[in-house]
Amino acid sequence: MSTPSTPNIAALGHWLHSWVQPDGAIHGFHNHPVWGGNPYRWLDMTAGHTTWASPFLAGLAEAVALRPDARAQALLERLVDFQSTSFAPDGQYRHIGFNAGEICQKGLIHNAVPNLSLGLTALRSRDWLPTRLLDQIRTAILHNLNEGCWHYGRDGRPAESSVANQDYARIWAKLLFISAFDDRTWYDSTREDIDYMIRHFHVRGMPDDDSAGTLRILGVQDILEPSEYYGLMICPLLRAAELYGEERYVEEAGRLCRHVARSHWIDDRGQTRCHRMWYHVNGTWRLNRGPMLIAGMGDSLEGIQRYVRLRPDAELEAFLAACDRTYAHYQHPRGFLVSGTGWQSECDIAPSTGWQSHDFRHLVHRHGIDAGFWDRFFAPADQRTSVLLGDQCLWIEQGPHWAIGDYLWQGVFNLVGRKDRVRFGVDLPDWVEGGWHAPKDYALPDRPVFIKTDDEIALWTGTPAHLDVTSIAALPYKPGPALAEKSSPA
């Protein structure tokens, strides 16, 4: 069976929706398949809301604007209400730790992303979102930018300490605020900030004369930003070109688009992938391809999509189509996407709502939605068990249950959680008296067990008819009846 040319956006949305809580929080195992960290690795063990998932709001707003639906608007209103009122005493948003979990309570990018997500939401929904929520969005963005984000950079603006994607994200939020609320408070200063970023961060000639990358940090001249962040630079440049009537901002955006597209690589499954980064050593710039995410390309791809709508470009449009095929190839029947490859750990197989919300926003913006989208999005969840096999571990979920499991008689990960709970942890056996023990309702019903032999991966116990299994492991997976009617080890 051939791979579809585009991913199933409704299925991805259905999966993301399964992590949304009654109060509007978006839970998730906050895996970061670019840097390799997550709350398990940082010993935080929380899977609650993260502001990095806020692009889900903007994707929903775009989808509702395209095809209004009362269920979807009610969901969006709940999400907006939560995100626009979740503040710490210092004016920063709460739940900004993402891959560090709740132990992290600060960071410019994790304040900037909810601001730009709320700005995109307001811009797309200002004709139909209740006035109360639009006012709430406006107040939240002002509060965060004037207080929570004020101490990043110099008086809330770029400086020598800036990180390119983070200050560009703050700039994008300000530009969206200007457009959504017709408020020119930051109109002149933001134009100065964009010119500062171009002057100090953009590196022409990467990888050719028609392209440009950006430094990640001014003090580090030999590393460029990883490719998944370029949309946070491209999108504000295009928004600025519209607001200020400056074609040179479109030209700069085009150079960044070509940097991403011309640095791509083809993985061992024949799929087009975004690169990790460029680094400079011994007088030469070199390309580093992996380990690298798959889910999470959405920001940069949305930037390229926005650019080609202004400046049609066959090369960039072919790259976008190839990335559509990559998404489709690596999409699980449950709807989530493979996180990445090359980590040989949970970083490859554990899907993150934080990253995949960015992909959802991009895919809705690129492809729109069809007439049956919302019925599929809100369809009742079945009780099938979804499994993604990796080389060293596997992701399992069923209904509210999720786990990062091990192969038979391997005991490295053994993490269990629930989508409706914040706490997760190692599922300690009963004979261990100390430590955290998962409540009984964390147990995944009829959980399958897989064995990894020298030659293959196979089902050891479980019912094949109740499973949706895909694999990114090097060893072949042999579906079918269990190898033997045996019990799992105690």
Protein backbone atom coordinates (compact mmCIF):
# COMPACT_ATOMS: atom_id res chain seq x y z
CA MET A 1 0.00 0.00 0.00
CA SER A 2 1.47 3.35 -1.01
CA THR A 3 1.90 6.21 1.46
CA PRO A 4 -0.58 9.07 1.06
CA SER A 5 0.83 12.31 -0.34
CA THR A 6 -0.50 14.34 2.59
CA PRO A 7 -1.00 13.54 6.28
CA ASN A 8 -4.39 13.06 7.91
CA ILE A 9 -4.87 16.44 9.63
CA ALA A 10 -8.15 15.47 11.30
CA ALA A 11 -6.50 12.42 12.86
CA LEU A 12 -3.66 14.58 14.18
CA GLY A 13 -6.20 17.01 15.61
CA HIS A 14 -8.17 14.15 17.18
CA TRP A 15 -5.02 12.94 18.93
CA LEU A 16 -4.10 16.42 20.17
CA HIS A 17 -7.65 16.89 21.43
CA SER A 18 -7.31 13.70 23.50
CA TRP A 19 -4.81 15.53 25.72
CA VAL A 20 -7.02 18.59 26.36
CA GLN A 21 -8.40 18.88 29.89
CA PRO A 22 -11.79 20.24 31.01
CA ASP A 23 -10.15 23.51 32.14
CA GLY A 24 -8.44 24.04 28.77
CA ALA A 25 -4.95 22.81 29.72
CA ILE A 26 -3.13 20.79 27.05
CA HIS A 27 -1.24 17.93 28.70
CA GLY A 28 1.49 15.89 27.05
CA PHE A 29 4.76 14.03 27.43
CA HIS A 30 6.91 17.03 26.55
CA ASN A 31 9.62 15.40 24.52
CA HIS A 32 12.13 17.61 22.66
CA PRO A 33 13.56 15.59 19.74
CA VAL A 34 15.96 18.38 18.76
CA TRP A 35 17.77 18.83 22.07
CA GLY A 36 16.97 15.40 23.49
CA GLY A 37 15.48 16.49 26.80
CA ASN A 38 12.14 15.87 28.46
CA PRO A 39 10.78 15.94 32.03
CA TYR A 40 11.81 12.31 32.52
CA ARG A 41 15.43 13.12 31.66
CA TRP A 42 15.29 16.26 33.82
CA LEU A 43 13.82 14.26 36.74
CA ASP A 44 10.70 16.43 36.80
CA MET A 45 8.10 13.73 36.02
CA THR A 46 5.27 16.11 35.06
CA ALA A 47 3.13 15.96 31.92
CA GLY A 48 0.81 18.92 32.46
CA HIS A 49 0.15 21.98 30.31
CA THR A 50 2.92 23.64 28.33
CA THR A 51 2.79 26.99 26.55
CA TRP A 52 4.72 25.34 23.70
CA ALA A 53 1.43 23.64 22.75
CA SER A 54 -0.37 26.98 22.32
CA PRO A 55 -0.10 26.90 18.48
CA PHE A 56 -2.98 24.40 18.70
CA LEU A 57 -5.19 27.42 19.45
CA ALA A 58 -4.11 29.22 16.28
CA GLY A 59 -4.63 26.08 14.19
CA LEU A 60 -8.12 25.64 15.61
CA ALA A 61 -8.96 29.30 15.00
CA GLU A 62 -7.94 28.97 11.36
CA ALA A 63 -9.94 25.76 10.96
CA VAL A 64 -13.06 27.28 12.57
CA ALA A 65 -12.76 30.35 10.34
CA LEU A 66 -12.64 28.08 7.29
CA ARG A 67 -15.55 25.85 8.40
CA PRO A 68 -17.46 27.11 11.44
CA ASP A 69 -18.43 24.44 13.96
CA ALA A 70 -20.02 25.00 17.37
CA ARG A 71 -18.07 22.15 18.99
CA ALA A 72 -14.77 23.50 17.73
CA GLN A 73 -15.53 27.07 18.75
CA ALA A 74 -16.44 25.90 22.26
CA LEU A 75 -13.15 24.00 22.46
CA LEU A 76 -11.20 27.03 21.24
CA GLU A 77 -12.89 29.31 23.77
CA ARG A 78 -11.95 26.94 26.58
CA LEU A 79 -8.31 26.84 25.42
CA VAL A 80 -8.13 30.62 25.05
CA ASP A 81 -9.65 31.14 28.48
CA PHE A 82 -7.00 28.94 30.09
CA GLN A 83 -3.97 30.26 28.21
CA SER A 84 -4.87 33.94 28.55
CA THR A 85 -5.34 33.75 32.33
CA SER A 86 -2.50 31.42 33.40
CA PHE A 87 0.07 33.83 34.85
CA ALA A 88 2.79 33.68 37.46
CA PRO A 89 3.12 36.64 39.86
CA ASP A 90 6.01 38.12 37.82
CA GLY A 91 3.90 38.43 34.67
CA GLN A 92 5.34 35.41 32.89
CA TYR A 93 2.97 32.67 31.79
CA ARG A 94 2.67 29.61 33.95
CA HIS A 95 3.56 26.16 32.59
CA ILE A 96 6.46 27.38 30.45
CA GLY A 97 8.93 24.63 31.31
CA PHE A 98 8.12 22.35 28.33
CA ASN A 99 10.97 19.80 28.08
CA ALA A 100 12.24 20.79 31.54
CA GLY A 101 8.80 20.45 33.11
CA GLU A 102 7.52 22.41 36.08
CA ILE A 103 11.01 22.88 37.53
CA CYS A 104 11.52 25.62 34.90
CA GLN A 105 9.54 28.81 35.46
CA LYS A 106 11.10 31.28 33.00
CA GLY A 107 12.18 31.63 29.40
CA LEU A 108 11.56 34.17 26.64
CA ILE A 109 10.57 31.69 23.93
CA HIS A 110 7.94 30.05 26.14
CA ASN A 111 6.38 33.44 26.79
CA ALA A 112 6.67 34.61 23.18
CA VAL A 113 5.02 31.53 21.64
CA PRO A 114 1.74 31.84 23.59
CA ASN A 115 1.71 35.55 22.76
CA LEU A 116 2.04 34.92 19.04
CA SER A 117 -0.43 32.02 19.25
CA LEU A 118 -2.98 34.23 20.96
CA GLY A 119 -2.24 36.97 18.42
CA LEU A 120 -2.81 34.61 15.49
CA THR A 121 -5.99 33.38 17.16
CA ALA A 122 -7.31 36.92 17.66
CA LEU A 123 -6.43 37.95 14.10
CA ARG A 124 -8.30 34.96 12.63
CA SER A 125 -11.28 35.03 14.99
CA ARG A 126 -11.95 38.70 15.78
CA ASP A 127 -15.20 38.66 13.79
CA TRP A 128 -16.72 35.82 15.80
CA LEU A 129 -14.83 35.16 19.04
CA PRO A 130 -16.70 36.63 22.05
CA THR A 131 -15.59 40.16 22.90
CA ARG A 132 -14.76 39.04 26.44
CA LEU A 133 -12.13 36.61 25.12
CA LEU A 134 -10.70 39.07 22.59
CA ASP A 135 -10.27 41.59 25.41
CA GLN A 136 -8.72 38.86 27.54
CA ILE A 137 -6.20 38.07 24.78
CA ARG A 138 -5.31 41.74 24.40
CA THR A 139 -4.82 42.15 28.14
CA ALA A 140 -2.75 38.96 28.41
CA ILE A 141 -0.34 39.93 25.62
CA LEU A 142 0.12 43.43 26.99
CA HIS A 143 0.68 42.13 30.52
CA ASN A 144 3.22 39.55 29.43
CA LEU A 145 5.19 41.77 27.04
CA ASN A 146 5.28 44.75 29.39
CA GLU A 147 6.06 42.78 32.55
CA GLY A 148 6.90 39.10 32.09
CA CYS A 149 9.15 39.60 29.05
CA TRP A 150 10.54 43.01 29.96
CA HIS A 151 13.77 41.71 31.46
CA TYR A 152 14.74 39.57 28.46
CA GLY A 153 17.14 41.52 26.29
CA ARG A 154 17.29 45.28 26.91
CA ASP A 155 14.01 46.76 28.18
CA GLY A 156 12.00 44.13 26.33
CA ARG A 157 13.93 44.44 23.09
CA PRO A 158 16.80 42.57 21.36
CA ALA A 159 20.31 42.89 22.73
CA GLU A 160 23.69 41.18 22.67
CA SER A 161 22.29 38.36 24.81
CA SER A 162 19.45 37.57 22.41
CA VAL A 163 18.72 34.18 20.88
CA ALA A 164 17.60 34.67 17.29
CA ASN A 165 14.42 32.60 17.22
CA GLN A 166 13.32 33.83 20.64
CA ASP A 167 13.53 37.54 19.94
CA TYR A 168 12.05 37.04 16.48
CA ALA A 169 9.11 35.23 18.13
CA ARG A 170 8.61 38.21 20.45
CA ILE A 171 8.74 40.52 17.40
CA TRP A 172 6.15 38.37 15.62
CA ALA A 173 3.86 38.61 18.65
CA LYS A 174 4.11 42.40 18.62
CA LEU A 175 3.39 42.61 14.89
CA LEU A 176 0.36 40.36 15.28
CA PHE A 177 -0.84 42.50 18.17
CA ILE A 178 -0.60 45.60 15.96
CA SER A 179 -2.63 43.87 13.24
CA ALA A 180 -5.23 42.21 15.46
CA PHE A 181 -5.97 45.17 17.71
CA ASP A 182 -5.03 48.14 15.52
CA ASP A 183 -2.68 49.29 18.27
CA ARG A 184 0.54 50.99 17.10
CA THR A 185 2.26 51.08 20.50
CA TRP A 186 5.20 49.03 19.23
CA TYR A 187 4.99 50.07 15.58
CA ASP A 188 8.21 52.10 15.35
CA SER A 189 10.32 50.24 17.91
CA THR A 190 9.53 46.85 16.37
CA ARG A 191 10.69 48.02 12.97
CA GLU A 192 13.99 49.01 14.58
CA ASP A 193 14.17 45.61 16.26
CA ILE A 194 13.74 43.75 12.96
CA ASP A 195 16.54 45.74 11.38
CA TYR A 196 18.71 44.97 14.41
CA MET A 197 18.08 41.24 13.99
CA ILE A 198 18.85 41.28 10.26
CA ARG A 199 22.01 43.28 10.77
CA HIS A 200 23.43 41.23 13.63
CA PHE A 201 22.10 37.68 13.14
CA HIS A 202 21.65 36.97 9.43
CA VAL A 203 24.53 35.15 7.71
CA ARG A 204 24.49 35.37 3.93
CA GLY A 205 25.83 32.58 1.73
CA MET A 206 24.40 29.67 3.72
CA PRO A 207 24.53 27.33 1.93
CA ASP A 208 24.80 29.45 -1.26
CA ASP A 209 24.62 33.03 -2.49
CA ASP A 210 20.80 33.01 -2.68
CA SER A 211 20.37 31.84 0.91
CA ALA A 212 20.98 32.99 4.46
CA GLY A 213 20.94 31.39 7.86
CA THR A 214 20.86 33.02 11.26
CA LEU A 215 23.25 32.77 14.13
CA ARG A 216 21.59 31.30 17.18
CA ILE A 217 23.47 33.49 19.68
CA LEU A 218 25.59 36.55 18.90
CA GLY A 219 28.37 35.37 21.17
CA VAL A 220 28.63 32.06 19.29
CA GLN A 221 29.67 32.71 15.71
CA ASP A 222 30.21 29.11 14.62
CA ILE A 223 26.70 27.64 15.10
CA LEU A 224 23.54 28.50 13.15
CA GLU A 225 19.98 28.01 14.35
CA PRO A 226 18.55 24.49 13.89
CA SER A 227 16.14 24.35 10.97
CA GLU A 228 12.92 23.83 12.95
CA TYR A 229 13.07 27.40 14.29
CA TYR A 230 13.28 29.28 10.99
CA GLY A 231 9.55 29.86 10.75
CA LEU A 232 9.86 32.01 13.85
CA MET A 233 12.10 34.28 11.78
CA ILE A 234 10.39 33.98 8.38
CA CYS A 235 6.83 34.68 9.54
CA PRO A 236 7.57 37.97 11.33
CA LEU A 237 9.62 39.18 8.37
CA LEU A 238 6.64 38.59 6.08
CA ARG A 239 4.25 40.23 8.53
CA ALA A 240 6.62 43.19 8.78
CA ALA A 241 6.79 43.51 5.00
CA GLU A 242 3.00 43.85 4.94
CA LEU A 243 2.81 46.34 7.81
CA TYR A 244 5.72 48.55 6.77
CA GLY A 245 5.55 48.12 2.99
CA GLU A 246 9.18 46.97 2.88
CA GLU A 247 9.94 44.46 0.11
CA ARG A 248 13.43 43.91 1.52
CA TYR A 249 11.84 41.98 4.40
CA VAL A 250 10.31 39.59 1.87
CA GLU A 251 13.74 39.17 0.27
CA GLU A 252 15.28 38.33 3.65
CA ALA A 253 12.51 35.84 4.33
CA GLY A 254 13.15 34.18 0.98
CA ARG A 255 16.83 33.73 1.80
CA LEU A 256 15.91 32.00 5.06
CA CYS A 257 13.42 29.77 3.23
CA ARG A 258 16.10 28.66 0.80
CA HIS A 259 18.49 27.98 3.68
CA VAL A 260 16.03 25.43 5.08
CA ALA A 261 15.07 23.89 1.75
CA ARG A 262 18.60 23.65 0.34
CA SER A 263 19.95 22.12 3.55
CA HIS A 264 17.50 19.22 3.52
CA TRP A 265 18.56 15.59 3.50
CA ILE A 266 16.99 12.24 2.59
CA ASP A 267 16.77 9.70 5.38
CA ASP A 268 17.11 5.92 5.17
CA ARG A 269 13.41 5.58 4.39
CA GLY A 270 13.66 7.91 1.42
CA GLN A 271 11.93 10.80 3.16
CA THR A 272 12.81 14.50 2.96
CA ARG A 273 13.94 15.85 6.30
CA CYS A 274 14.87 19.21 7.79
CA HIS A 275 18.52 19.47 8.85
CA ARG A 276 19.79 19.81 12.39
CA MET A 277 22.19 22.76 11.99
CA TRP A 278 25.26 24.16 10.29
CA TYR A 279 28.49 24.46 12.28
CA HIS A 280 31.83 26.09 11.43
CA VAL A 281 35.10 24.27 12.02
CA ASN A 282 38.59 24.58 10.53
CA GLY A 283 37.47 27.37 8.22
CA THR A 284 34.55 25.42 6.73
CA TRP A 285 30.80 25.37 7.31
CA ARG A 286 29.55 21.81 7.68
CA LEU A 287 26.04 20.35 7.75
CA ASN A 288 24.84 18.27 10.68
CA ARG A 289 21.75 16.21 9.77
CA GLY A 290 20.78 14.38 12.92
CA PRO A 291 19.63 13.29 15.37
CA MET A 292 16.66 15.34 14.32
CA LEU A 293 12.95 15.75 14.73
CA ILE A 294 10.22 14.90 12.25
CA ALA A 295 7.27 16.22 14.21
CA GLY A 296 7.99 19.90 14.76
CA MET A 297 8.89 20.96 11.21
CA GLY A 298 5.66 22.96 11.12
CA ASP A 299 6.93 26.42 12.08
CA SER A 300 9.53 26.53 9.32
CA LEU A 301 7.25 24.91 6.76
CA GLU A 302 4.52 27.44 7.56
CA GLY A 303 7.01 30.23 7.00
CA ILE A 304 7.91 28.78 3.62
CA GLN A 305 4.22 28.30 2.78
CA ARG A 306 3.48 31.94 3.61
CA TYR A 307 6.43 33.04 1.47
CA VAL A 308 5.44 31.06 -1.65
CA ARG A 309 1.93 32.52 -1.50
CA LEU A 310 3.58 35.90 -1.98
CA ARG A 311 6.38 34.75 -4.27
CA PRO A 312 5.56 31.49 -6.10
CA ASP A 313 8.68 29.34 -6.21
CA ALA A 314 8.76 25.88 -7.79
CA GLU A 315 11.73 24.71 -5.74
CA LEU A 316 10.20 25.68 -2.41
CA GLU A 317 6.79 24.33 -3.37
CA ALA A 318 8.38 20.98 -4.26
CA PHE A 319 10.10 20.98 -0.86
CA LEU A 320 6.77 21.59 0.89
CA ALA A 321 5.17 18.73 -1.04
CA ALA A 322 8.05 16.43 -0.14
CA CYS A 323 7.63 17.33 3.54
CA ASP A 324 3.91 16.55 3.26
CA ARG A 325 4.92 13.07 2.14
CA THR A 326 7.33 12.82 5.07
CA TYR A 327 4.57 13.67 7.52
CA ALA A 328 2.27 11.11 5.89
CA HIS A 329 4.94 8.41 5.90
CA TYR A 330 5.67 8.91 9.60
CA GLN A 331 2.07 9.31 10.80
CA HIS A 332 0.71 6.62 13.09
CA PRO A 333 -2.88 5.43 12.47
CA ARG A 334 -3.75 7.03 15.83
CA GLY A 335 -2.92 10.40 14.29
CA PHE A 336 0.33 11.39 15.99
CA LEU A 337 3.62 11.73 14.11
CA VAL A 338 6.94 10.06 14.77
CA SER A 339 8.96 12.50 16.87
CA GLY A 340 12.38 11.98 15.30
CA THR A 341 15.19 9.62 14.46
CA GLY A 342 18.77 9.16 15.55
CA TRP A 343 18.37 9.38 19.34
CA GLN A 344 17.95 5.63 19.87
CA SER A 345 15.75 6.36 22.88
CA GLU A 346 12.33 7.65 23.91
CA CYS A 347 13.15 10.90 22.06
CA ASP A 348 12.39 9.13 18.77
CA ILE A 349 9.13 7.42 19.70
CA ALA A 350 7.37 9.56 22.35
CA PRO A 351 5.03 12.06 20.62
CA SER A 352 4.83 15.55 22.09
CA THR A 353 1.68 17.66 21.95
CA GLY A 354 4.02 20.64 22.30
CA TRP A 355 5.71 20.04 18.96
CA GLN A 356 2.81 18.46 17.08
CA SER A 357 0.55 21.44 17.75
CA HIS A 358 2.94 23.46 15.56
CA ASP A 359 2.53 20.89 12.78
CA PHE A 360 -1.25 20.99 13.14
CA ARG A 361 -1.29 24.78 12.75
CA HIS A 362 0.91 24.61 9.65
CA LEU A 363 -1.05 21.80 8.01
CA VAL A 364 -4.40 23.54 8.53
CA HIS A 365 -2.93 26.76 7.13
CA ARG A 366 -1.45 24.95 4.14
CA HIS A 367 -4.24 22.54 3.21
CA GLY A 368 -7.41 23.85 4.83
CA ILE A 369 -10.02 21.37 6.00
CA ASP A 370 -12.77 19.43 4.23
CA ALA A 371 -16.46 19.04 4.97
CA GLY A 372 -16.06 15.98 7.20
CA PHE A 373 -13.12 17.30 9.18
CA TRP A 374 -14.90 18.23 12.42
CA ASP A 375 -16.85 14.98 12.65
CA ARG A 376 -13.57 13.06 12.39
CA PHE A 377 -11.86 15.46 14.79
CA PHE A 378 -14.56 14.96 17.46
CA ALA A 379 -15.24 11.27 16.80
CA PRO A 380 -15.38 9.12 19.97
CA ALA A 381 -12.05 7.47 20.71
CA ASP A 382 -12.00 3.73 20.18
CA GLN A 383 -10.33 1.39 22.64
CA ARG A 384 -7.69 0.02 20.31
CA THR A 385 -4.13 0.05 21.61
CA SER A 386 -1.66 2.14 19.58
CA VAL A 387 2.01 1.16 19.55
CA LEU A 388 5.08 2.76 17.99
CA LEU A 389 8.13 0.51 18.08
CA GLY A 390 11.62 1.99 18.34
CA ASP A 391 15.04 0.43 18.55
CA GLN A 392 15.33 0.65 22.33
CA CYS A 393 11.77 1.22 23.59
CA LEU A 394 8.17 1.65 22.49
CA TRP A 395 5.29 4.11 22.88
CA ILE A 396 1.92 2.64 23.89
CA GLU A 397 -1.38 4.43 24.38
CA GLN A 398 -4.99 3.43 24.84
CA GLY A 399 -7.73 5.88 25.78
CA PRO A 400 -6.36 8.01 28.64
CA HIS A 401 -3.40 5.68 29.27
CA TRP A 402 0.11 6.07 27.91
CA ALA A 403 3.41 4.32 28.52
CA ILE A 404 7.01 4.25 27.34
CA GLY A 405 7.71 0.57 27.56
CA ASP A 406 10.56 -1.89 27.18
CA TYR A 407 10.94 -5.06 25.23
CA LEU A 408 10.58 -8.37 27.04
CA TRP A 409 13.00 -8.73 29.97
CA GLN A 410 14.49 -5.31 29.40
CA GLY A 411 13.90 -2.78 32.15
CA VAL A 412 15.33 0.61 31.16
CA PHE A 413 12.31 2.89 30.78
CA ASN A 414 9.01 1.45 32.05
CA LEU A 415 7.26 4.83 32.32
CA VAL A 416 3.50 5.06 32.84
CA GLY A 417 1.11 7.98 32.81
CA ARG A 418 -2.39 9.15 32.06
CA LYS A 419 -3.43 11.95 29.74
CA ASP A 420 -5.70 13.36 32.45
CA ARG A 421 -3.00 13.45 35.15
CA VAL A 422 0.05 15.65 35.55
CA ARG A 423 2.28 13.14 37.34
CA PHE A 424 3.93 10.20 35.56
CA GLY A 425 6.79 7.97 36.58
CA VAL A 426 8.57 4.66 36.56
CA ASP A 427 6.14 1.82 37.19
CA LEU A 428 7.95 0.27 40.14
CA PRO A 429 7.16 -3.36 40.92
CA ASP A 430 5.34 -4.19 44.15
CA TRP A 431 8.43 -5.72 45.75
CA VAL A 432 10.08 -2.29 45.76
CA GLU A 433 8.80 -0.65 48.93
CA GLY A 434 10.12 2.91 48.44
CA GLY A 435 9.65 5.51 45.73
CA TRP A 436 6.59 6.61 43.75
CA HIS A 437 4.13 3.90 42.83
CA ALA A 438 1.59 4.58 40.10
CA PRO A 439 -2.04 4.55 41.21
CA LYS A 440 -3.89 1.43 40.13
CA ASP A 441 -5.84 3.30 37.47
CA TYR A 442 -2.61 4.03 35.59
CA ALA A 443 -2.40 0.42 34.42
CA LEU A 444 -3.04 0.06 30.70
CA PRO A 445 -5.71 -2.63 30.14
CA ASP A 446 -4.57 -5.73 28.26
CA ARG A 447 -1.17 -4.17 27.68
CA PRO A 448 0.75 -5.99 24.94
CA VAL A 449 4.31 -7.21 25.41
CA PHE A 450 6.83 -7.30 22.57
CA ILE A 451 10.10 -9.20 22.31
CA LYS A 452 13.19 -8.05 20.45
CA THR A 453 15.32 -10.96 19.30
CA ASP A 454 18.53 -10.95 17.30
CA ASP A 455 16.49 -11.14 14.11
CA GLU A 456 13.15 -9.45 14.60
CA ILE A 457 10.60 -7.76 16.83
CA ALA A 458 7.45 -9.74 17.52
CA LEU A 459 4.38 -9.73 19.72
CA TRP A 460 4.93 -11.89 22.81
CA THR A 461 1.56 -11.51 24.55
CA GLY A 462 -1.52 -9.63 23.46
CA THR A 463 -4.27 -9.73 20.87
CA PRO A 464 -3.10 -8.61 17.41
CA ALA A 465 -6.64 -7.72 16.33
CA HIS A 466 -6.79 -5.03 19.04
CA LEU A 467 -3.49 -3.37 18.11
CA ASP A 468 -2.35 -0.65 15.71
CA VAL A 469 1.41 -1.15 15.47
CA THR A 470 3.94 0.80 13.43
CA SER A 471 7.70 0.63 13.68
CA ILE A 472 10.75 2.80 13.10
CA ALA A 473 13.12 0.13 14.48
CA ALA A 474 15.94 -1.27 12.38
CA LEU A 475 14.87 -4.85 13.02
CA PRO A 476 11.80 -5.98 11.09
CA TYR A 477 8.51 -6.22 12.95
CA LYS A 478 6.66 -9.47 12.29
CA PRO A 479 2.95 -8.87 12.85
CA GLY A 480 0.59 -11.72 13.45
CA PRO A 481 -0.13 -14.11 16.29
CA ALA A 482 2.00 -14.06 19.42
CA LEU A 483 5.16 -16.13 19.36
CA ALA A 484 3.94 -18.19 22.27
CA GLU A 485 1.25 -18.25 24.91
CA LYS A 486 3.57 -17.19 27.71
CA SER A 487 3.29 -14.87 30.64
CA SER A 488 5.25 -11.67 31.02
CA PRO A 489 7.99 -11.75 33.65
CA ALA A 490 7.02 -10.73 37.16
